Amino acid sequence: MPEMTFEVRWPDGSIQRCYSPSLVVHDYLTIGTRYTVGDFVDRTGRAMAEASERVRAKFGFACTSAAETDARIAGAAARFPSDAVIEVTAMNPGLEQS
């Protein structure tokens, strides 16, 4: 199962690198796009749930790494108002490489 990383720049300028056990994040986020914190948390939450279910379908158990990524994002997001703006700065592999 292909995995990926993606990076987000939070409103304070900090960069967070995140892991996904699946390329499904490409269905929810786009490099260079700005999202509100609330929208980003929603999108990544749905992406991590789908990624975890893909792992469950293939291996018979949910992905704890996807749950950890979701929790890390939620924790970071709690520092900002839900209408603050973030930017997705990188996704590896990109769609052209997948």
PDB file of N, CA and C in Angstrom:
ATOM      1  N   MET A   1       0.847  -1.176   0.000  1.00  0.00           N
ATOM      2  CA  MET A   1       0.000   0.000   0.000  1.00  0.00           C
ATOM      3  C   MET A   1       0.892   1.237   0.000  1.00  0.00           C
ATOM      4  N   PRO A   2       0.745   2.131  -0.972  1.00  0.00           N
ATOM      5  CA  PRO A   2       1.583   3.335  -1.024  1.00  0.00           C
ATOM      6  C   PRO A   2       1.285   4.277   0.145  1.00  0.00           C
ATOM      7  N   GLU A   3       2.305   4.867   0.672  1.00  0.00           N
ATOM      8  CA  GLU A   3       2.143   5.839   1.747  1.00  0.00           C
ATOM      9  C   GLU A   3       2.650   7.188   1.288  1.00  0.00           C
ATOM     10  N   MET A   4       2.370   8.222   2.077  1.00  0.00           N
ATOM     11  CA  MET A   4       2.795   9.559   1.686  1.00  0.00           C
ATOM     12  C   MET A   4       2.982  10.439   2.915  1.00  0.00           C
ATOM     13  N   THR A   5       3.625  11.566   2.686  1.00  0.00           N
ATOM     14  CA  THR A   5       3.708  12.622   3.688  1.00  0.00           C
ATOM     15  C   THR A   5       3.153  13.890   3.059  1.00  0.00           C
ATOM     16  N   PHE A   6       2.679  14.780   3.921  1.00  0.00           N
ATOM     17  CA  PHE A   6       2.238  16.093   3.451  1.00  0.00           C
ATOM     18  C   PHE A   6       2.595  17.112   4.521  1.00  0.00           C
ATOM     19  N   GLU A   7       2.768  18.349   4.081  1.00  0.00           N
ATOM     20  CA  GLU A   7       3.161  19.417   5.006  1.00  0.00           C
ATOM     21  C   GLU A   7       2.153  20.546   4.961  1.00  0.00           C
ATOM     22  N   VAL A   8       1.959  21.152   6.113  1.00  0.00           N
ATOM     23  CA  VAL A   8       1.046  22.282   6.231  1.00  0.00           C
ATOM     24  C   VAL A   8       1.771  23.423   6.946  1.00  0.00           C
ATOM     25  N   ARG A   9       1.506  24.646   6.487  1.00  0.00           N
ATOM     26  CA  ARG A   9       2.021  25.838   7.173  1.00  0.00           C
ATOM     27  C   ARG A   9       0.853  26.417   7.977  1.00  0.00           C
ATOM     28  N   TRP A  10       1.010  26.407   9.286  1.00  0.00           N
ATOM     29  CA  TRP A  10      -0.019  26.918  10.183  1.00  0.00           C
ATOM     30  C   TRP A  10      -0.019  28.447  10.182  1.00  0.00           C
ATOM     31  N   PRO A  11      -1.062  29.075  10.734  1.00  0.00           N
ATOM     32  CA  PRO A  11      -1.145  30.546  10.712  1.00  0.00           C
ATOM     33  C   PRO A  11       0.035  31.263  11.366  1.00  0.00           C
ATOM     34  N   ASP A  12       0.717  30.617  12.301  1.00  0.00           N
ATOM     35  CA  ASP A  12       1.875  31.246  12.951  1.00  0.00           C
ATOM     36  C   ASP A  12       3.173  31.032  12.162  1.00  0.00           C
ATOM     37  N   GLY A  13       3.069  30.400  10.990  1.00  0.00           N
ATOM     38  CA  GLY A  13       4.243  30.175  10.150  1.00  0.00           C
ATOM     39  C   GLY A  13       4.941  28.843  10.393  1.00  0.00           C
ATOM     40  N   SER A  14       4.555  28.129  11.435  1.00  0.00           N
ATOM     41  CA  SER A  14       5.193  26.836  11.706  1.00  0.00           C
ATOM     42  C   SER A  14       4.765  25.817  10.651  1.00  0.00           C
ATOM     43  N   ILE A  15       5.666  24.879  10.383  1.00  0.00           N
ATOM     44  CA  ILE A  15       5.413  23.819   9.403  1.00  0.00           C
ATOM     45  C   ILE A  15       5.234  22.509  10.148  1.00  0.00           C
ATOM     46  N   GLN A  16       4.219  21.762   9.782  1.00  0.00           N
ATOM     47  CA  GLN A  16       4.000  20.439  10.359  1.00  0.00           C
ATOM     48  C   GLN A  16       4.022  19.418   9.231  1.00  0.00           C
ATOM     49  N   ARG A  17       4.839  18.390   9.415  1.00  0.00           N
ATOM     50  CA  ARG A  17       4.903  17.291   8.447  1.00  0.00           C
ATOM     51  C   ARG A  17       4.024  16.158   8.960  1.00  0.00           C
ATOM     52  N   CYS A  18       3.180  15.652   8.082  1.00  0.00           N
ATOM     53  CA  CYS A  18       2.202  14.636   8.473  1.00  0.00           C
ATOM     54  C   CYS A  18       2.358  13.391   7.609  1.00  0.00           C
ATOM     55  N   TYR A  19       1.964  12.261   8.164  1.00  0.00           N
ATOM     56  CA  TYR A  19       2.069  10.969   7.485  1.00  0.00           C
ATOM     57  C   TYR A  19       0.687  10.416   7.180  1.00  0.00           C
ATOM     58  N   SER A  20       0.561   9.771   6.040  1.00  0.00           N
ATOM     59  CA  SER A  20      -0.647   9.024   5.703  1.00  0.00           C
ATOM     60  C   SER A  20      -0.240   7.658   5.161  1.00  0.00           C
ATOM     61  N   PRO A  21      -0.940   6.595   5.583  1.00  0.00           N
ATOM     62  CA  PRO A  21      -0.629   5.273   5.069  1.00  0.00           C
ATOM     63  C   PRO A  21      -1.191   5.040   3.667  1.00  0.00           C
ATOM     64  N   SER A  22      -1.817   6.053   3.110  1.00  0.00           N
ATOM     65  CA  SER A  22      -2.474   5.928   1.810  1.00  0.00           C
ATOM     66  C   SER A  22      -2.360   7.237   1.042  1.00  0.00           C
ATOM     67  N   LEU A  23      -2.406   7.135  -0.267  1.00  0.00           N
ATOM     68  CA  LEU A  23      -2.384   8.332  -1.121  1.00  0.00           C
ATOM     69  C   LEU A  23      -3.726   9.045  -1.157  1.00  0.00           C
ATOM     70  N   VAL A  24      -4.693   8.577  -0.393  1.00  0.00           N
ATOM     71  CA  VAL A  24      -6.042   9.153  -0.396  1.00  0.00           C
ATOM     72  C   VAL A  24      -6.041  10.643  -0.055  1.00  0.00           C
ATOM     73  N   VAL A  25      -5.016  11.135   0.610  1.00  0.00           N
ATOM     74  CA  VAL A  25      -4.951  12.553   0.972  1.00  0.00           C
ATOM     75  C   VAL A  25      -5.066  13.427  -0.277  1.00  0.00           C
ATOM     76  N   HIS A  26      -4.593  12.923  -1.407  1.00  0.00           N
ATOM     77  CA  HIS A  26      -4.716  13.674  -2.659  1.00  0.00           C
ATOM     78  C   HIS A  26      -6.175  13.946  -3.027  1.00  0.00           C
ATOM     79  N   ASP A  27      -7.095  13.126  -2.536  1.00  0.00           N
ATOM     80  CA  ASP A  27      -8.523  13.338  -2.797  1.00  0.00           C
ATOM     81  C   ASP A  27      -9.107  14.451  -1.944  1.00  0.00           C
ATOM     82  N   TYR A  28      -8.388  14.857  -0.910  1.00  0.00           N
ATOM     83  CA  TYR A  28      -8.904  15.834   0.051  1.00  0.00           C
ATOM     84  C   TYR A  28      -8.144  17.155   0.078  1.00  0.00           C
ATOM     85  N   LEU A  29      -6.864  17.144  -0.307  1.00  0.00           N
ATOM     86  CA  LEU A  29      -6.021  18.344  -0.225  1.00  0.00           C
ATOM     87  C   LEU A  29      -5.267  18.557  -1.527  1.00  0.00           C
ATOM     88  N   THR A  30      -4.888  19.804  -1.774  1.00  0.00           N
ATOM     89  CA  THR A  30      -4.107  20.163  -2.955  1.00  0.00           C
ATOM     90  C   THR A  30      -2.947  21.053  -2.525  1.00  0.00           C
ATOM     91  N   ILE A  31      -1.758  20.775  -3.040  1.00  0.00           N
ATOM     92  CA  ILE A  31      -0.579  21.591  -2.735  1.00  0.00           C
ATOM     93  C   ILE A  31      -0.848  23.036  -3.148  1.00  0.00           C
ATOM     94  N   GLY A  32      -0.458  23.960  -2.279  1.00  0.00           N
ATOM     95  CA  GLY A  32      -0.595  25.379  -2.564  1.00  0.00           C
ATOM     96  C   GLY A  32      -1.958  25.955  -2.242  1.00  0.00           C
ATOM     97  N   THR A  33      -2.890  25.109  -1.895  1.00  0.00           N
ATOM     98  CA  THR A  33      -4.236  25.586  -1.575  1.00  0.00           C
ATOM     99  C   THR A  33      -4.287  26.012  -0.124  1.00  0.00           C
ATOM    100  N   ARG A  34      -5.037  27.078   0.108  1.00  0.00           N
ATOM    101  CA  ARG A  34      -5.255  27.574   1.467  1.00  0.00           C
ATOM    102  C   ARG A  34      -6.624  27.097   1.935  1.00  0.00           C
ATOM    103  N   TYR A  35      -6.664  26.642   3.173  1.00  0.00           N
ATOM    104  CA  TYR A  35      -7.899  26.166   3.783  1.00  0.00           C
ATOM    105  C   TYR A  35      -8.053  26.849   5.137  1.00  0.00           C
ATOM    106  N   THR A  36      -9.281  27.020   5.597  1.00  0.00           N
ATOM    107  CA  THR A  36      -9.439  27.455   6.981  1.00  0.00           C
ATOM    108  C   THR A  36      -9.015  26.289   7.865  1.00  0.00           C
ATOM    109  N   VAL A  37      -8.636  26.605   9.072  1.00  0.00           N
ATOM    110  CA  VAL A  37      -8.222  25.551  10.004  1.00  0.00           C
ATOM    111  C   VAL A  37      -9.356  24.541  10.180  1.00  0.00           C
ATOM    112  N   GLY A  38     -10.582  25.034  10.325  1.00  0.00           N
ATOM    113  CA  GLY A  38     -11.726  24.137  10.496  1.00  0.00           C
ATOM    114  C   GLY A  38     -11.914  23.204   9.310  1.00  0.00           C
ATOM    115  N   ASP A  39     -11.809  23.742   8.104  1.00  0.00           N
ATOM    116  CA  ASP A  39     -11.954  22.927   6.899  1.00  0.00           C
ATOM    117  C   ASP A  39     -10.811  21.923   6.784  1.00  0.00           C
ATOM    118  N   PHE A  40      -9.597  22.362   7.098  1.00  0.00           N
ATOM    119  CA  PHE A  40      -8.440  21.480   7.031  1.00  0.00           C
ATOM    120  C   PHE A  40      -8.587  20.309   8.009  1.00  0.00           C
ATOM    121  N   VAL A  41      -9.007  20.594   9.234  1.00  0.00           N
ATOM    122  CA  VAL A  41      -9.191  19.533  10.223  1.00  0.00           C
ATOM    123  C   VAL A  41     -10.261  18.554   9.741  1.00  0.00           C
ATOM    124  N   ASP A  42     -11.333  19.063   9.177  1.00  0.00           N
ATOM    125  CA  ASP A  42     -12.391  18.201   8.653  1.00  0.00           C
ATOM    126  C   ASP A  42     -11.871  17.330   7.508  1.00  0.00           C
ATOM    127  N   ARG A  43     -11.183  17.954   6.559  1.00  0.00           N
ATOM    128  CA  ARG A  43     -10.673  17.220   5.397  1.00  0.00           C
ATOM    129  C   ARG A  43      -9.658  16.151   5.800  1.00  0.00           C
ATOM    130  N   THR A  44      -8.720  16.526   6.662  1.00  0.00           N
ATOM    131  CA  THR A  44      -7.705  15.544   7.061  1.00  0.00           C
ATOM    132  C   THR A  44      -8.308  14.458   7.938  1.00  0.00           C
ATOM    133  N   GLY A  45      -9.303  14.797   8.737  1.00  0.00           N
ATOM    134  CA  GLY A  45      -9.979  13.780   9.540  1.00  0.00           C
ATOM    135  C   GLY A  45     -10.657  12.736   8.660  1.00  0.00           C
ATOM    136  N   ARG A  46     -11.340  13.196   7.621  1.00  0.00           N
ATOM    137  CA  ARG A  46     -11.979  12.262   6.696  1.00  0.00           C
ATOM    138  C   ARG A  46     -10.935  11.458   5.928  1.00  0.00           C
ATOM    139  N   ALA A  47      -9.832  12.117   5.527  1.00  0.00           N
ATOM    140  CA  ALA A  47      -8.771  11.419   4.790  1.00  0.00           C
ATOM    141  C   ALA A  47      -8.121  10.349   5.655  1.00  0.00           C
ATOM    142  N   MET A  48      -7.837  10.668   6.917  1.00  0.00           N
ATOM    143  CA  MET A  48      -7.200   9.685   7.800  1.00  0.00           C
ATOM    144  C   MET A  48      -8.146   8.529   8.104  1.00  0.00           C
ATOM    145  N   ALA A  49      -9.440   8.808   8.249  1.00  0.00           N
ATOM    146  CA  ALA A  49     -10.409   7.730   8.475  1.00  0.00           C
ATOM    147  C   ALA A  49     -10.456   6.800   7.265  1.00  0.00           C
ATOM    148  N   GLU A  50     -10.465   7.379   6.072  1.00  0.00           N
ATOM    149  CA  GLU A  50     -10.479   6.556   4.860  1.00  0.00           C
ATOM    150  C   GLU A  50      -9.181   5.771   4.712  1.00  0.00           C
ATOM    151  N   ALA A  51      -8.056   6.415   4.993  1.00  0.00           N
ATOM    152  CA  ALA A  51      -6.761   5.718   4.917  1.00  0.00           C
ATOM    153  C   ALA A  51      -6.726   4.547   5.894  1.00  0.00           C
ATOM    154  N   SER A  52      -7.223   4.769   7.102  1.00  0.00           N
ATOM    155  CA  SER A  52      -7.239   3.707   8.107  1.00  0.00           C
ATOM    156  C   SER A  52      -8.133   2.550   7.663  1.00  0.00           C
ATOM    157  N   GLU A  53      -9.253   2.872   7.057  1.00  0.00           N
ATOM    158  CA  GLU A  53     -10.149   1.822   6.569  1.00  0.00           C
ATOM    159  C   GLU A  53      -9.518   1.037   5.414  1.00  0.00           C
ATOM    160  N   ARG A  54      -8.731   1.708   4.595  1.00  0.00           N
ATOM    161  CA  ARG A  54      -8.018   0.995   3.522  1.00  0.00           C
ATOM    162  C   ARG A  54      -7.023   0.002   4.118  1.00  0.00           C
ATOM    163  N   VAL A  55      -6.346   0.421   5.185  1.00  0.00           N
ATOM    164  CA  VAL A  55      -5.421  -0.485   5.876  1.00  0.00           C
ATOM    165  C   VAL A  55      -6.207  -1.658   6.472  1.00  0.00           C
ATOM    166  N   ARG A  56      -7.355  -1.354   7.092  1.00  0.00           N
ATOM    167  CA  ARG A  56      -8.182  -2.406   7.697  1.00  0.00           C
ATOM    168  C   ARG A  56      -8.629  -3.416   6.633  1.00  0.00           C
ATOM    169  N   ALA A  57      -9.037  -2.914   5.468  1.00  0.00           N
ATOM    170  CA  ALA A  57      -9.495  -3.800   4.390  1.00  0.00           C
ATOM    171  C   ALA A  57      -8.371  -4.714   3.903  1.00  0.00           C
ATOM    172  N   LYS A  58      -7.155  -4.186   3.881  1.00  0.00           N
ATOM    173  CA  LYS A  58      -6.035  -4.971   3.362  1.00  0.00           C
ATOM    174  C   LYS A  58      -5.410  -5.896   4.409  1.00  0.00           C
ATOM    175  N   PHE A  59      -5.280  -5.386   5.655  1.00  0.00           N
ATOM    176  CA  PHE A  59      -4.535  -6.128   6.665  1.00  0.00           C
ATOM    177  C   PHE A  59      -5.382  -6.643   7.833  1.00  0.00           C
ATOM    178  N   GLY A  60      -6.632  -6.198   7.920  1.00  0.00           N
ATOM    179  CA  GLY A  60      -7.511  -6.678   8.977  1.00  0.00           C
ATOM    180  C   GLY A  60      -7.490  -5.875  10.260  1.00  0.00           C
ATOM    181  N   PHE A  61      -6.778  -4.753  10.290  1.00  0.00           N
ATOM    182  CA  PHE A  61      -6.751  -3.893  11.471  1.00  0.00           C
ATOM    183  C   PHE A  61      -6.605  -2.442  11.038  1.00  0.00           C
ATOM    184  N   ALA A  62      -7.131  -1.531  11.857  1.00  0.00           N
ATOM    185  CA  ALA A  62      -7.049  -0.102  11.561  1.00  0.00           C
ATOM    186  C   ALA A  62      -5.611   0.391  11.702  1.00  0.00           C
ATOM    187  N   CYS A  63      -5.321   1.497  11.088  1.00  0.00           N
ATOM    188  CA  CYS A  63      -3.968   2.058  11.112  1.00  0.00           C
ATOM    189  C   CYS A  63      -3.811   3.045  12.271  1.00  0.00           C
ATOM    190  N   THR A  64      -2.980   2.693  13.227  1.00  0.00           N
ATOM    191  CA  THR A  64      -2.750   3.585  14.362  1.00  0.00           C
ATOM    192  C   THR A  64      -1.983   4.839  13.943  1.00  0.00           C
ATOM    193  N   SER A  65      -1.176   4.744  12.893  1.00  0.00           N
ATOM    194  CA  SER A  65      -0.439   5.916  12.414  1.00  0.00           C
ATOM    195  C   SER A  65      -1.400   6.967  11.860  1.00  0.00           C
ATOM    196  N   ALA A  66      -2.450   6.539  11.181  1.00  0.00           N
ATOM    197  CA  ALA A  66      -3.450   7.485  10.670  1.00  0.00           C
ATOM    198  C   ALA A  66      -4.159   8.168  11.834  1.00  0.00           C
ATOM    199  N   ALA A  67      -4.496   7.404  12.868  1.00  0.00           N
ATOM    200  CA  ALA A  67      -5.143   7.974  14.048  1.00  0.00           C
ATOM    201  C   ALA A  67      -4.212   8.963  14.749  1.00  0.00           C
ATOM    202  N   GLU A  68      -2.925   8.632  14.807  1.00  0.00           N
ATOM    203  CA  GLU A  68      -1.942   9.536  15.424  1.00  0.00           C
ATOM    204  C   GLU A  68      -1.816  10.823  14.627  1.00  0.00           C
ATOM    205  N   THR A  69      -1.775  10.714  13.291  1.00  0.00           N
ATOM    206  CA  THR A  69      -1.710  11.912  12.455  1.00  0.00           C
ATOM    207  C   THR A  69      -2.927  12.790  12.700  1.00  0.00           C
ATOM    208  N   ASP A  70      -4.106  12.182  12.740  1.00  0.00           N
ATOM    209  CA  ASP A  70      -5.336  12.933  12.979  1.00  0.00           C
ATOM    210  C   ASP A  70      -5.267  13.651  14.324  1.00  0.00           C
ATOM    211  N   ALA A  71      -4.796  12.973  15.351  1.00  0.00           N
ATOM    212  CA  ALA A  71      -4.691  13.569  16.685  1.00  0.00           C
ATOM    213  C   ALA A  71      -3.663  14.705  16.707  1.00  0.00           C
ATOM    214  N   ARG A  72      -2.543  14.529  16.026  1.00  0.00           N
ATOM    215  CA  ARG A  72      -1.511  15.584  15.972  1.00  0.00           C
ATOM    216  C   ARG A  72      -2.051  16.827  15.278  1.00  0.00           C
ATOM    217  N   ILE A  73      -2.788  16.627  14.184  1.00  0.00           N
ATOM    218  CA  ILE A  73      -3.364  17.767  13.466  1.00  0.00           C
ATOM    219  C   ILE A  73      -4.390  18.473  14.347  1.00  0.00           C
ATOM    220  N   ALA A  74      -5.261  17.710  14.998  1.00  0.00           N
ATOM    221  CA  ALA A  74      -6.269  18.309  15.874  1.00  0.00           C
ATOM    222  C   ALA A  74      -5.613  19.093  17.009  1.00  0.00           C
ATOM    223  N   GLY A  75      -4.541  18.553  17.569  1.00  0.00           N
ATOM    224  CA  GLY A  75      -3.829  19.243  18.641  1.00  0.00           C
ATOM    225  C   GLY A  75      -3.208  20.552  18.175  1.00  0.00           C
ATOM    226  N   ALA A  76      -2.583  20.518  17.010  1.00  0.00           N
ATOM    227  CA  ALA A  76      -1.983  21.737  16.460  1.00  0.00           C
ATOM    228  C   ALA A  76      -3.065  22.759  16.116  1.00  0.00           C
ATOM    229  N   ALA A  77      -4.167  22.285  15.558  1.00  0.00           N
ATOM    230  CA  ALA A  77      -5.248  23.174  15.137  1.00  0.00           C
ATOM    231  C   ALA A  77      -5.907  23.875  16.316  1.00  0.00           C
ATOM    232  N   ALA A  78      -5.906  23.241  17.476  1.00  0.00           N
ATOM    233  CA  ALA A  78      -6.550  23.811  18.658  1.00  0.00           C
ATOM    234  C   ALA A  78      -5.922  25.138  19.084  1.00  0.00           C
ATOM    235  N   ARG A  79      -4.724  25.416  18.602  1.00  0.00           N
ATOM    236  CA  ARG A  79      -4.041  26.674  18.949  1.00  0.00           C
ATOM    237  C   ARG A  79      -4.577  27.866  18.152  1.00  0.00           C
ATOM    238  N   PHE A  80      -5.406  27.618  17.131  1.00  0.00           N
ATOM    239  CA  PHE A  80      -5.835  28.673  16.217  1.00  0.00           C
ATOM    240  C   PHE A  80      -7.354  28.737  16.103  1.00  0.00           C
ATOM    241  N   PRO A  81      -7.883  29.923  15.760  1.00  0.00           N
ATOM    242  CA  PRO A  81      -9.314  30.013  15.482  1.00  0.00           C
ATOM    243  C   PRO A  81      -9.659  29.175  14.249  1.00  0.00           C
ATOM    244  N   SER A  82     -10.856  28.625  14.206  1.00  0.00           N
ATOM    245  CA  SER A  82     -11.236  27.744  13.094  1.00  0.00           C
ATOM    246  C   SER A  82     -11.281  28.463  11.764  1.00  0.00           C
ATOM    247  N   ASP A  83     -11.383  29.804  11.771  1.00  0.00           N
ATOM    248  CA  ASP A  83     -11.414  30.540  10.512  1.00  0.00           C
ATOM    249  C   ASP A  83     -10.040  31.072  10.086  1.00  0.00           C
ATOM    250  N   ALA A  84      -8.997  30.769  10.879  1.00  0.00           N
ATOM    251  CA  ALA A  84      -7.631  31.135  10.477  1.00  0.00           C
ATOM    252  C   ALA A  84      -7.270  30.299   9.247  1.00  0.00           C
ATOM    253  N   VAL A  85      -6.273  30.777   8.490  1.00  0.00           N
ATOM    254  CA  VAL A  85      -5.956  30.133   7.212  1.00  0.00           C
ATOM    255  C   VAL A  85      -4.607  29.408   7.276  1.00  0.00           C
ATOM    256  N   ILE A  86      -4.606  28.191   6.739  1.00  0.00           N
ATOM    257  CA  ILE A  86      -3.379  27.403   6.615  1.00  0.00           C
ATOM    258  C   ILE A  86      -3.127  27.158   5.129  1.00  0.00           C
ATOM    259  N   GLU A  87      -1.937  26.661   4.823  1.00  0.00           N
ATOM    260  CA  GLU A  87      -1.614  26.313   3.436  1.00  0.00           C
ATOM    261  C   GLU A  87      -0.927  24.953   3.396  1.00  0.00           C
ATOM    262  N   VAL A  88      -1.346  24.121   2.453  1.00  0.00           N
ATOM    263  CA  VAL A  88      -0.673  22.841   2.214  1.00  0.00           C
ATOM    264  C   VAL A  88       0.552  23.171   1.363  1.00  0.00           C
ATOM    265  N   THR A  89       1.747  22.885   1.885  1.00  0.00           N
ATOM    266  CA  THR A  89       2.976  23.303   1.203  1.00  0.00           C
ATOM    267  C   THR A  89       3.671  22.183   0.437  1.00  0.00           C
ATOM    268  N   ALA A  90       3.362  20.924   0.752  1.00  0.00           N
ATOM    269  CA  ALA A  90       4.023  19.807   0.063  1.00  0.00           C
ATOM    270  C   ALA A  90       3.213  18.533   0.221  1.00  0.00           C
ATOM    271  N   MET A  91       3.336  17.661  -0.781  1.00  0.00           N
ATOM    272  CA  MET A  91       2.763  16.318  -0.714  1.00  0.00           C
ATOM    273  C   MET A  91       3.733  15.409  -1.447  1.00  0.00           C
ATOM    274  N   ASN A  92       4.152  14.343  -0.781  1.00  0.00           N
ATOM    275  CA  ASN A  92       5.136  13.452  -1.380  1.00  0.00           C
ATOM    276  C   ASN A  92       4.733  11.998  -1.149  1.00  0.00           C
ATOM    277  N   PRO A  93       4.518  11.217  -2.186  1.00  0.00           N
ATOM    278  CA  PRO A  93       4.705  11.582  -3.583  1.00  0.00           C
ATOM    279  C   PRO A  93       3.550  12.443  -4.076  1.00  0.00           C
ATOM    280  N   GLY A  94       3.866  13.241  -5.090  1.00  0.00           N
ATOM    281  CA  GLY A  94       2.830  14.029  -5.738  1.00  0.00           C
ATOM    282  C   GLY A  94       2.010  13.156  -6.651  1.00  0.00           C
ATOM    283  N   LEU A  95       0.943  13.679  -7.176  1.00  0.00           N
ATOM    284  CA  LEU A  95       0.090  12.904  -8.073  1.00  0.00           C
ATOM    285  C   LEU A  95       0.833  12.423  -9.304  1.00  0.00           C
ATOM    286  N   GLU A  96       1.759  13.224  -9.788  1.00  0.00           N
ATOM    287  CA  GLU A  96       2.502  12.832 -10.996  1.00  0.00           C
ATOM    288  C   GLU A  96       3.409  11.635 -10.743  1.00  0.00           C
ATOM    289  N   GLN A  97       3.749  11.370  -9.465  1.00  0.00           N
ATOM    290  CA  GLN A  97       4.630  10.258  -9.125  1.00  0.00           C
ATOM    291  C   GLN A  97       3.870   9.010  -8.709  1.00  0.00           C
ATOM    292  N   SER A  98       2.591   9.143  -8.416  1.00  0.00           N
ATOM    293  CA  SER A  98       1.837   8.010  -7.878  1.00  0.00           C
ATOM    294  C   SER A  98       1.341   7.076  -8.953  1.00  0.00           C
TER     295      SER A  98
END
